[in-house]
Amino acid sequence: MDYVLIDALSQMEIFVFRSFGPKIVKKLSSVDLAVSVFIVDPLLTISLSGLVVAIMLAVAAQLRFQWSLW
């Protein structure tokens, strides 16, 4: 089984909230995609407010790309 890891742009706002991000995800959805990973900068999660922001950003990406929430 082959694995492909695709790293999106490091600035999530550019990838998620611009038109080309969803276009790339739509093209990739034609491939049998088993897992998507949302990586958060650990320094953001030091405070409770930072952790909440990270979770909200993950949910925003899920909604934007129409992934299953759970």
C-alpha atoms as a PDB file:
ATOM      1  CA  MET A   1       0.000   0.000   0.000  1.00  0.00           C
ATOM      2  CA  ASP A   2       1.388   3.392  -0.987  1.00  0.00           C
ATOM      3  CA  TYR A   3       1.050   6.474   1.172  1.00  0.00           C
ATOM      4  CA  VAL A   4       1.011  10.052   0.000  1.00  0.00           C
ATOM      5  CA  LEU A   5       1.456  12.940   2.396  1.00  0.00           C
ATOM      6  CA  ILE A   6       0.368  16.333   1.134  1.00  0.00           C
ATOM      7  CA  ASP A   7       1.384  19.350   3.150  1.00  0.00           C
ATOM      8  CA  ALA A   8      -0.842  22.360   2.621  1.00  0.00           C
ATOM      9  CA  LEU A   9       0.512  25.858   2.850  1.00  0.00           C
ATOM     10  CA  SER A  10       1.691  26.654   6.335  1.00  0.00           C
ATOM     11  CA  GLN A  11      -0.731  29.551   6.628  1.00  0.00           C
ATOM     12  CA  MET A  12      -4.082  27.854   7.056  1.00  0.00           C
ATOM     13  CA  GLU A  13      -6.050  30.993   6.254  1.00  0.00           C
ATOM     14  CA  ILE A  14      -4.634  31.094   2.730  1.00  0.00           C
ATOM     15  CA  PHE A  15      -5.368  27.428   2.044  1.00  0.00           C
ATOM     16  CA  VAL A  16      -8.766  27.142   3.743  1.00  0.00           C
ATOM     17  CA  PHE A  17     -10.378  30.493   3.015  1.00  0.00           C
ATOM     18  CA  ARG A  18      -9.246  31.088  -0.576  1.00  0.00           C
ATOM     19  CA  SER A  19     -10.854  29.471  -3.595  1.00  0.00           C
ATOM     20  CA  PHE A  20      -7.981  27.175  -4.552  1.00  0.00           C
ATOM     21  CA  GLY A  21      -7.922  25.256  -1.223  1.00  0.00           C
ATOM     22  CA  PRO A  22     -11.351  23.656  -1.687  1.00  0.00           C
ATOM     23  CA  LYS A  23     -10.513  23.018  -5.352  1.00  0.00           C
ATOM     24  CA  ILE A  24      -7.433  21.025  -4.365  1.00  0.00           C
ATOM     25  CA  VAL A  25      -9.396  19.078  -1.758  1.00  0.00           C
ATOM     26  CA  LYS A  26     -12.137  18.338  -4.292  1.00  0.00           C
ATOM     27  CA  LYS A  27      -9.561  16.927  -6.727  1.00  0.00           C
ATOM     28  CA  LEU A  28      -8.060  14.808  -3.955  1.00  0.00           C
ATOM     29  CA  SER A  29     -11.486  13.505  -2.948  1.00  0.00           C
ATOM     30  CA  SER A  30     -11.587  11.461  -6.146  1.00  0.00           C
ATOM     31  CA  VAL A  31      -8.718   9.419  -4.684  1.00  0.00           C
ATOM     32  CA  ASP A  32      -9.458   6.904  -1.949  1.00  0.00           C
ATOM     33  CA  LEU A  33      -8.526   9.177   0.944  1.00  0.00           C
ATOM     34  CA  ALA A  34      -8.545   7.350   4.246  1.00  0.00           C
ATOM     35  CA  VAL A  35      -7.273   9.973   6.678  1.00  0.00           C
ATOM     36  CA  SER A  36      -6.790  13.696   6.866  1.00  0.00           C
ATOM     37  CA  VAL A  37      -4.661  15.222   9.599  1.00  0.00           C
ATOM     38  CA  PHE A  38      -4.978  18.689  11.075  1.00  0.00           C
ATOM     39  CA  ILE A  39      -1.730  19.609  12.823  1.00  0.00           C
ATOM     40  CA  VAL A  40      -1.690  22.394  15.385  1.00  0.00           C
ATOM     41  CA  ASP A  41       1.320  24.342  16.621  1.00  0.00           C
ATOM     42  CA  PRO A  42       1.777  23.103  20.212  1.00  0.00           C
ATOM     43  CA  LEU A  43       2.662  26.608  21.391  1.00  0.00           C
ATOM     44  CA  LEU A  44      -0.871  27.654  20.479  1.00  0.00           C
ATOM     45  CA  THR A  45      -2.304  25.148  22.943  1.00  0.00           C
ATOM     46  CA  ILE A  46      -0.396  26.340  26.017  1.00  0.00           C
ATOM     47  CA  SER A  47      -3.363  28.417  27.148  1.00  0.00           C
ATOM     48  CA  LEU A  48      -6.987  27.381  27.258  1.00  0.00           C
ATOM     49  CA  SER A  49      -7.945  30.194  24.891  1.00  0.00           C
ATOM     50  CA  GLY A  50      -5.265  29.066  22.426  1.00  0.00           C
ATOM     51  CA  LEU A  51      -6.567  25.510  22.565  1.00  0.00           C
ATOM     52  CA  VAL A  52     -10.120  26.710  21.881  1.00  0.00           C
ATOM     53  CA  VAL A  53      -8.871  28.745  18.917  1.00  0.00           C
ATOM     54  CA  ALA A  54      -7.056  25.690  17.521  1.00  0.00           C
ATOM     55  CA  ILE A  55     -10.195  23.578  17.860  1.00  0.00           C
ATOM     56  CA  MET A  56     -12.298  26.282  16.189  1.00  0.00           C
ATOM     57  CA  LEU A  57      -9.827  26.483  13.293  1.00  0.00           C
ATOM     58  CA  ALA A  58     -10.041  22.711  12.863  1.00  0.00           C
ATOM     59  CA  VAL A  59     -13.842  22.875  12.806  1.00  0.00           C
ATOM     60  CA  ALA A  60     -13.716  25.751  10.303  1.00  0.00           C
ATOM     61  CA  ALA A  61     -11.533  23.630   7.998  1.00  0.00           C
ATOM     62  CA  GLN A  62     -13.887  20.669   8.364  1.00  0.00           C
ATOM     63  CA  LEU A  63     -16.894  22.797   7.469  1.00  0.00           C
ATOM     64  CA  ARG A  64     -15.141  24.533   4.574  1.00  0.00           C
ATOM     65  CA  PHE A  65     -14.023  21.257   3.025  1.00  0.00           C
ATOM     66  CA  GLN A  66     -17.247  19.435   3.961  1.00  0.00           C
ATOM     67  CA  TRP A  67     -15.454  16.644   5.820  1.00  0.00           C
ATOM     68  CA  SER A  68     -17.272  14.500   8.299  1.00  0.00           C
ATOM     69  CA  LEU A  69     -17.140  16.181  11.683  1.00  0.00           C
ATOM     70  CA  TRP A  70     -16.773  12.930  13.607  1.00  0.00           C
END
